[in-house]
Each structure stands twice: as structure tokens, then as C-alpha cells.
Amino acid sequence: FNENSFEKTEKNVRRLIVLSESMSGILELQLGDFLLDLITFYNYFGT
């Protein structure tokens, strides 16, 4: 186990973290849009 492979592992872990954060960010955006549409829908038909 040399230092080079450790650095590679660290980079991969960081990449995974960034990827998962951006994925959850995208999911939150989509969920937010969905909730906004739902609220608009209810307001439109609720009146």
C-alpha cells in the first residue's frame, strides 16, 4: 500500500462526495419544482 494509491483513493472519495452532493441538489430542485406545481395546482382549482 503506497502513498500514491492512497492519494488516488482520496481523490475518488472526494469525487464521490461532490457527485452525491450535486445529485441531491438536483433532486431537491426537482422536488421543489414539483411542490410548487402542486401548490399552484391546488390554488388554481381550490378557488
C-alpha atoms as a PDB file:
ATOM      1  CA  PHE A   1       0.000   0.000   0.000  1.00  0.00           C
ATOM      2  CA  ASN A   2       1.880   3.056  -1.200  1.00  0.00           C
ATOM      3  CA  GLU A   3       1.127   6.735  -0.845  1.00  0.00           C
ATOM      4  CA  ASN A   4       0.173   7.148  -4.495  1.00  0.00           C
ATOM      5  CA  SER A   5      -2.742   4.717  -4.294  1.00  0.00           C
ATOM      6  CA  PHE A   6      -3.857   6.442  -1.099  1.00  0.00           C
ATOM      7  CA  GLU A   7      -3.972   9.780  -2.906  1.00  0.00           C
ATOM      8  CA  LYS A   8      -5.970   8.193  -5.711  1.00  0.00           C
ATOM      9  CA  THR A   9      -8.443   6.781  -3.202  1.00  0.00           C
ATOM     10  CA  GLU A  10      -8.773  10.189  -1.554  1.00  0.00           C
ATOM     11  CA  LYS A  11      -9.447  11.828  -4.915  1.00  0.00           C
ATOM     12  CA  ASN A  12     -12.080   9.215  -5.752  1.00  0.00           C
ATOM     13  CA  VAL A  13     -13.767   9.710  -2.394  1.00  0.00           C
ATOM     14  CA  ARG A  14     -13.830  13.482  -2.909  1.00  0.00           C
ATOM     15  CA  ARG A  15     -15.254  12.975  -6.393  1.00  0.00           C
ATOM     16  CA  LEU A  16     -17.958  10.704  -4.984  1.00  0.00           C
ATOM     17  CA  ILE A  17     -18.847  13.269  -2.326  1.00  0.00           C
ATOM     18  CA  VAL A  18     -19.100  16.056  -4.905  1.00  0.00           C
ATOM     19  CA  LEU A  19     -21.171  13.831  -7.173  1.00  0.00           C
ATOM     20  CA  SER A  20     -23.576  12.808  -4.420  1.00  0.00           C
ATOM     21  CA  GLU A  21     -23.938  16.427  -3.279  1.00  0.00           C
ATOM     22  CA  SER A  22     -24.759  17.609  -6.784  1.00  0.00           C
ATOM     23  CA  MET A  23     -27.175  14.704  -7.236  1.00  0.00           C
ATOM     24  CA  SER A  24     -29.021  15.545  -4.031  1.00  0.00           C
ATOM     25  CA  GLY A  25     -29.025  19.192  -5.090  1.00  0.00           C
ATOM     26  CA  ILE A  26     -30.657  18.252  -8.391  1.00  0.00           C
ATOM     27  CA  LEU A  27     -33.195  16.078  -6.572  1.00  0.00           C
ATOM     28  CA  GLU A  28     -34.035  18.933  -4.197  1.00  0.00           C
ATOM     29  CA  LEU A  29     -34.512  21.287  -7.136  1.00  0.00           C
ATOM     30  CA  GLN A  30     -36.825  18.843  -8.891  1.00  0.00           C
ATOM     31  CA  LEU A  31     -38.748  18.206  -5.682  1.00  0.00           C
ATOM     32  CA  GLY A  32     -39.064  21.957  -5.120  1.00  0.00           C
ATOM     33  CA  ASP A  33     -40.417  22.462  -8.633  1.00  0.00           C
ATOM     34  CA  PHE A  34     -42.842  19.592  -8.131  1.00  0.00           C
ATOM     35  CA  LEU A  35     -44.110  21.049  -4.856  1.00  0.00           C
ATOM     36  CA  LEU A  36     -44.509  24.473  -6.455  1.00  0.00           C
ATOM     37  CA  ASP A  37     -46.528  22.941  -9.287  1.00  0.00           C
ATOM     38  CA  LEU A  38     -48.633  21.055  -6.766  1.00  0.00           C
ATOM     39  CA  ILE A  39     -49.325  24.206  -4.730  1.00  0.00           C
ATOM     40  CA  THR A  40     -50.173  26.149  -7.893  1.00  0.00           C
ATOM     41  CA  PHE A  41     -52.477  23.335  -8.972  1.00  0.00           C
ATOM     42  CA  TYR A  42     -54.293  23.333  -5.630  1.00  0.00           C
ATOM     43  CA  ASN A  43     -54.601  27.115  -5.578  1.00  0.00           C
ATOM     44  CA  TYR A  44     -55.948  27.141  -9.131  1.00  0.00           C
ATOM     45  CA  PHE A  45     -58.620  24.510  -8.525  1.00  0.00           C
ATOM     46  CA  GLY A  46     -59.231  25.347  -4.881  1.00  0.00           C
ATOM     47  CA  THR A  47     -60.718  28.778  -5.537  1.00  0.00           C
END
